[in-house]
């Protein structure tokens, strides 16, 4: 996964959340989390 993929999933997560679509928001959040954890580990 690349930073671009992370940004895409965050955007899609936000849009789904704003639309009230909890299941779609949850799906995109779970797809983004592995890369986000790697980024946090790298930054420390």
C-alpha atoms as a PDB file:
ATOM      1  CA  UNK A   1       0.000   0.000   0.000  1.00  0.00           C
ATOM      2  CA  UNK A   2       1.252   3.461  -0.821  1.00  0.00           C
ATOM      3  CA  UNK A   3       0.620   6.868   0.698  1.00  0.00           C
ATOM      4  CA  UNK A   4      -1.685   7.530  -2.227  1.00  0.00           C
ATOM      5  CA  UNK A   5      -3.770   4.471  -1.277  1.00  0.00           C
ATOM      6  CA  UNK A   6      -3.939   5.697   2.305  1.00  0.00           C
ATOM      7  CA  UNK A   7      -5.141   9.140   1.199  1.00  0.00           C
ATOM      8  CA  UNK A   8      -7.734   7.563  -1.081  1.00  0.00           C
ATOM      9  CA  UNK A   9      -9.145   5.397   1.702  1.00  0.00           C
ATOM     10  CA  UNK A  10      -9.195   8.323   4.131  1.00  0.00           C
ATOM     11  CA  UNK A  11     -11.116  10.417   1.587  1.00  0.00           C
ATOM     12  CA  UNK A  12     -13.558   7.579   0.907  1.00  0.00           C
ATOM     13  CA  UNK A  13     -13.915   6.943   4.648  1.00  0.00           C
ATOM     14  CA  UNK A  14     -14.738  10.602   5.251  1.00  0.00           C
ATOM     15  CA  UNK A  15     -17.235  10.755   2.393  1.00  0.00           C
ATOM     16  CA  UNK A  16     -19.009   7.587   3.550  1.00  0.00           C
ATOM     17  CA  UNK A  17     -19.138   8.912   7.122  1.00  0.00           C
ATOM     18  CA  UNK A  18     -20.564  12.234   5.950  1.00  0.00           C
ATOM     19  CA  UNK A  19     -23.173  10.348   3.914  1.00  0.00           C
ATOM     20  CA  UNK A  20     -24.133   8.302   6.992  1.00  0.00           C
ATOM     21  CA  UNK A  21     -22.925   5.015   5.482  1.00  0.00           C
ATOM     22  CA  UNK A  22     -21.313   3.402   8.527  1.00  0.00           C
ATOM     23  CA  UNK A  23     -20.526   0.045   6.915  1.00  0.00           C
ATOM     24  CA  UNK A  24     -18.696   1.656   3.988  1.00  0.00           C
ATOM     25  CA  UNK A  25     -16.837   4.013   6.334  1.00  0.00           C
ATOM     26  CA  UNK A  26     -15.781   1.066   8.496  1.00  0.00           C
ATOM     27  CA  UNK A  27     -14.559  -0.799   5.407  1.00  0.00           C
ATOM     28  CA  UNK A  28     -12.318   2.064   4.270  1.00  0.00           C
ATOM     29  CA  UNK A  29     -11.028   2.694   7.776  1.00  0.00           C
ATOM     30  CA  UNK A  30      -9.987  -0.950   8.105  1.00  0.00           C
ATOM     31  CA  UNK A  31      -8.265  -0.844   4.716  1.00  0.00           C
ATOM     32  CA  UNK A  32      -6.258   2.248   5.711  1.00  0.00           C
ATOM     33  CA  UNK A  33      -5.220   1.145   9.208  1.00  0.00           C
ATOM     34  CA  UNK A  34      -2.339  -1.254   8.343  1.00  0.00           C
ATOM     35  CA  UNK A  35      -0.510   1.436   6.391  1.00  0.00           C
ATOM     36  CA  UNK A  36      -1.261   4.046   9.014  1.00  0.00           C
ATOM     37  CA  UNK A  37       0.301   1.831  11.697  1.00  0.00           C
ATOM     38  CA  UNK A  38       3.409   1.359   9.551  1.00  0.00           C
ATOM     39  CA  UNK A  39       3.650   5.113   9.066  1.00  0.00           C
ATOM     40  CA  UNK A  40       3.372   5.742  12.817  1.00  0.00           C
ATOM     41  CA  UNK A  41       6.034   3.101  13.536  1.00  0.00           C
ATOM     42  CA  UNK A  42       8.330   4.610  10.932  1.00  0.00           C
ATOM     43  CA  UNK A  43       7.910   8.105  12.394  1.00  0.00           C
ATOM     44  CA  UNK A  44       8.917   7.007  15.905  1.00  0.00           C
END
